């Protein structure tokens, strides 16, 4: 039951963390109904006032990649990019073996 997972940190420019987190939460609502989306979790970092973490679990990498083709998702990405302090960090690609809430 291996799934495709991603876990990454996005660092907002000073004062923009909440705006970035809001855009990512909008994205979570869009992908919630996307084929293969199991989890799209947005979190703020309690020890870094500029960081937002995104954790995703998909049935496959193809499902994830297809979600990025959605025009509404692309628009949200365009809104988020100017809020970043730099390029998004590479993050971690994971093989998700299972867990609570994962189908």
C-alpha atoms as a PDB file:
ATOM      1  CA  UNK A   1       0.000   0.000   0.000  1.00  0.00           C
ATOM      2  CA  UNK A   2       2.817   2.442  -0.737  1.00  0.00           C
ATOM      3  CA  UNK A   3       1.773   6.033  -1.390  1.00  0.00           C
ATOM      4  CA  UNK A   4       3.686   9.034  -2.698  1.00  0.00           C
ATOM      5  CA  UNK A   5       4.496  11.607  -0.032  1.00  0.00           C
ATOM      6  CA  UNK A   6       6.045  15.051   0.078  1.00  0.00           C
ATOM      7  CA  UNK A   7       7.094  17.095   3.091  1.00  0.00           C
ATOM      8  CA  UNK A   8       8.550  20.530   2.603  1.00  0.00           C
ATOM      9  CA  UNK A   9       9.121  23.917   4.152  1.00  0.00           C
ATOM     10  CA  UNK A  10       8.246  27.188   2.477  1.00  0.00           C
ATOM     11  CA  UNK A  11       9.804  30.317   3.954  1.00  0.00           C
ATOM     12  CA  UNK A  12       7.814  33.503   3.561  1.00  0.00           C
ATOM     13  CA  UNK A  13       9.373  36.924   3.421  1.00  0.00           C
ATOM     14  CA  UNK A  14       9.005  38.841   6.692  1.00  0.00           C
ATOM     15  CA  UNK A  15       5.376  39.460   7.603  1.00  0.00           C
ATOM     16  CA  UNK A  16       3.936  37.231   4.858  1.00  0.00           C
ATOM     17  CA  UNK A  17       3.685  33.851   6.597  1.00  0.00           C
ATOM     18  CA  UNK A  18      -0.039  34.099   7.326  1.00  0.00           C
ATOM     19  CA  UNK A  19      -0.840  35.182   3.773  1.00  0.00           C
ATOM     20  CA  UNK A  20       1.216  32.296   2.406  1.00  0.00           C
ATOM     21  CA  UNK A  21      -0.460  29.835   4.778  1.00  0.00           C
ATOM     22  CA  UNK A  22      -3.873  31.121   3.683  1.00  0.00           C
ATOM     23  CA  UNK A  23      -3.070  30.511   0.006  1.00  0.00           C
ATOM     24  CA  UNK A  24      -1.830  27.012   0.816  1.00  0.00           C
ATOM     25  CA  UNK A  25      -5.024  26.313   2.743  1.00  0.00           C
ATOM     26  CA  UNK A  26      -6.989  27.382  -0.349  1.00  0.00           C
ATOM     27  CA  UNK A  27      -4.896  24.912  -2.335  1.00  0.00           C
ATOM     28  CA  UNK A  28      -5.750  22.182   0.169  1.00  0.00           C
ATOM     29  CA  UNK A  29      -9.446  22.751  -0.506  1.00  0.00           C
ATOM     30  CA  UNK A  30      -8.887  22.479  -4.256  1.00  0.00           C
ATOM     31  CA  UNK A  31      -6.858  19.283  -4.120  1.00  0.00           C
ATOM     32  CA  UNK A  32      -9.093  17.655  -1.508  1.00  0.00           C
ATOM     33  CA  UNK A  33     -11.262  16.365  -4.352  1.00  0.00           C
ATOM     34  CA  UNK A  34      -8.382  15.695  -6.755  1.00  0.00           C
ATOM     35  CA  UNK A  35      -7.923  12.064  -7.751  1.00  0.00           C
ATOM     36  CA  UNK A  36      -5.435  10.359  -5.469  1.00  0.00           C
ATOM     37  CA  UNK A  37      -5.134  13.049  -2.802  1.00  0.00           C
ATOM     38  CA  UNK A  38      -5.067  11.449   0.646  1.00  0.00           C
ATOM     39  CA  UNK A  39      -3.597  14.286   2.737  1.00  0.00           C
ATOM     40  CA  UNK A  40      -2.674  17.928   2.171  1.00  0.00           C
ATOM     41  CA  UNK A  41      -1.662  19.367   5.515  1.00  0.00           C
ATOM     42  CA  UNK A  42      -0.598  22.985   6.058  1.00  0.00           C
ATOM     43  CA  UNK A  43       1.226  23.863   9.288  1.00  0.00           C
ATOM     44  CA  UNK A  44       3.054  26.868  10.696  1.00  0.00           C
ATOM     45  CA  UNK A  45       6.353  26.387  12.480  1.00  0.00           C
ATOM     46  CA  UNK A  46       6.215  27.317  16.180  1.00  0.00           C
ATOM     47  CA  UNK A  47       9.958  28.051  16.233  1.00  0.00           C
ATOM     48  CA  UNK A  48      10.172  30.056  12.985  1.00  0.00           C
ATOM     49  CA  UNK A  49       7.764  32.920  12.379  1.00  0.00           C
ATOM     50  CA  UNK A  50       8.332  32.824   8.611  1.00  0.00           C
ATOM     51  CA  UNK A  51       7.994  29.105   7.854  1.00  0.00           C
ATOM     52  CA  UNK A  52       5.054  27.075   6.614  1.00  0.00           C
ATOM     53  CA  UNK A  53       5.258  23.297   6.244  1.00  0.00           C
ATOM     54  CA  UNK A  54       3.228  21.303   3.718  1.00  0.00           C
ATOM     55  CA  UNK A  55       2.788  17.553   4.047  1.00  0.00           C
ATOM     56  CA  UNK A  56       1.115  15.693   1.190  1.00  0.00           C
ATOM     57  CA  UNK A  57       0.148  12.067   0.623  1.00  0.00           C
ATOM     58  CA  UNK A  58      -1.002  10.913  -2.808  1.00  0.00           C
ATOM     59  CA  UNK A  59      -1.868   7.528  -4.265  1.00  0.00           C
ATOM     60  CA  UNK A  60       0.897   8.097  -6.828  1.00  0.00           C
ATOM     61  CA  UNK A  61       3.354  10.681  -8.083  1.00  0.00           C
ATOM     62  CA  UNK A  62       1.287  10.901 -11.270  1.00  0.00           C
ATOM     63  CA  UNK A  63      -1.769  11.971  -9.235  1.00  0.00           C
ATOM     64  CA  UNK A  64       0.309  14.687  -7.571  1.00  0.00           C
ATOM     65  CA  UNK A  65       1.764  15.863 -10.861  1.00  0.00           C
ATOM     66  CA  UNK A  66      -1.699  15.957 -12.456  1.00  0.00           C
ATOM     67  CA  UNK A  67      -2.964  18.198  -9.638  1.00  0.00           C
ATOM     68  CA  UNK A  68      -0.371  20.798 -10.603  1.00  0.00           C
ATOM     69  CA  UNK A  69      -1.925  21.036 -14.071  1.00  0.00           C
ATOM     70  CA  UNK A  70      -5.204  22.382 -12.671  1.00  0.00           C
ATOM     71  CA  UNK A  71      -5.530  26.059 -13.659  1.00  0.00           C
ATOM     72  CA  UNK A  72      -6.889  27.050 -10.233  1.00  0.00           C
ATOM     73  CA  UNK A  73      -3.915  25.430  -8.504  1.00  0.00           C
ATOM     74  CA  UNK A  74      -1.527  27.174 -10.901  1.00  0.00           C
ATOM     75  CA  UNK A  75      -3.165  30.523 -10.082  1.00  0.00           C
ATOM     76  CA  UNK A  76      -2.631  29.922  -6.363  1.00  0.00           C
ATOM     77  CA  UNK A  77       1.011  29.033  -7.003  1.00  0.00           C
ATOM     78  CA  UNK A  78       1.381  32.333  -8.866  1.00  0.00           C
ATOM     79  CA  UNK A  79      -0.100  34.193  -5.898  1.00  0.00           C
ATOM     80  CA  UNK A  80       2.176  32.420  -3.411  1.00  0.00           C
ATOM     81  CA  UNK A  81       5.519  32.806  -5.206  1.00  0.00           C
ATOM     82  CA  UNK A  82       5.943  36.575  -4.550  1.00  0.00           C
ATOM     83  CA  UNK A  83       5.427  35.947  -0.815  1.00  0.00           C
ATOM     84  CA  UNK A  84       8.419  33.615  -0.558  1.00  0.00           C
ATOM     85  CA  UNK A  85      11.765  34.762   0.826  1.00  0.00           C
ATOM     86  CA  UNK A  86      13.516  32.684  -1.855  1.00  0.00           C
ATOM     87  CA  UNK A  87      13.067  29.588  -3.936  1.00  0.00           C
ATOM     88  CA  UNK A  88      11.104  26.812  -2.238  1.00  0.00           C
ATOM     89  CA  UNK A  89      13.336  24.340  -0.457  1.00  0.00           C
ATOM     90  CA  UNK A  90      13.646  20.939  -2.096  1.00  0.00           C
ATOM     91  CA  UNK A  91      11.889  19.165   0.770  1.00  0.00           C
ATOM     92  CA  UNK A  92      11.599  15.436   1.153  1.00  0.00           C
ATOM     93  CA  UNK A  93      10.006  12.863  -1.109  1.00  0.00           C
ATOM     94  CA  UNK A  94       8.656   9.958   0.901  1.00  0.00           C
ATOM     95  CA  UNK A  95       7.268   6.494   0.398  1.00  0.00           C
ATOM     96  CA  UNK A  96       4.278   6.434   2.744  1.00  0.00           C
ATOM     97  CA  UNK A  97       3.687   2.965   4.121  1.00  0.00           C
ATOM     98  CA  UNK A  98       0.448   3.741   5.951  1.00  0.00           C
ATOM     99  CA  UNK A  99      -0.922   5.348   9.086  1.00  0.00           C
ATOM    100  CA  UNK A 100      -4.052   6.686  10.677  1.00  0.00           C
ATOM    101  CA  UNK A 101      -6.373   8.227   8.124  1.00  0.00           C
ATOM    102  CA  UNK A 102      -4.520   6.880   5.068  1.00  0.00           C
ATOM    103  CA  UNK A 103      -6.592   4.652   2.822  1.00  0.00           C
END
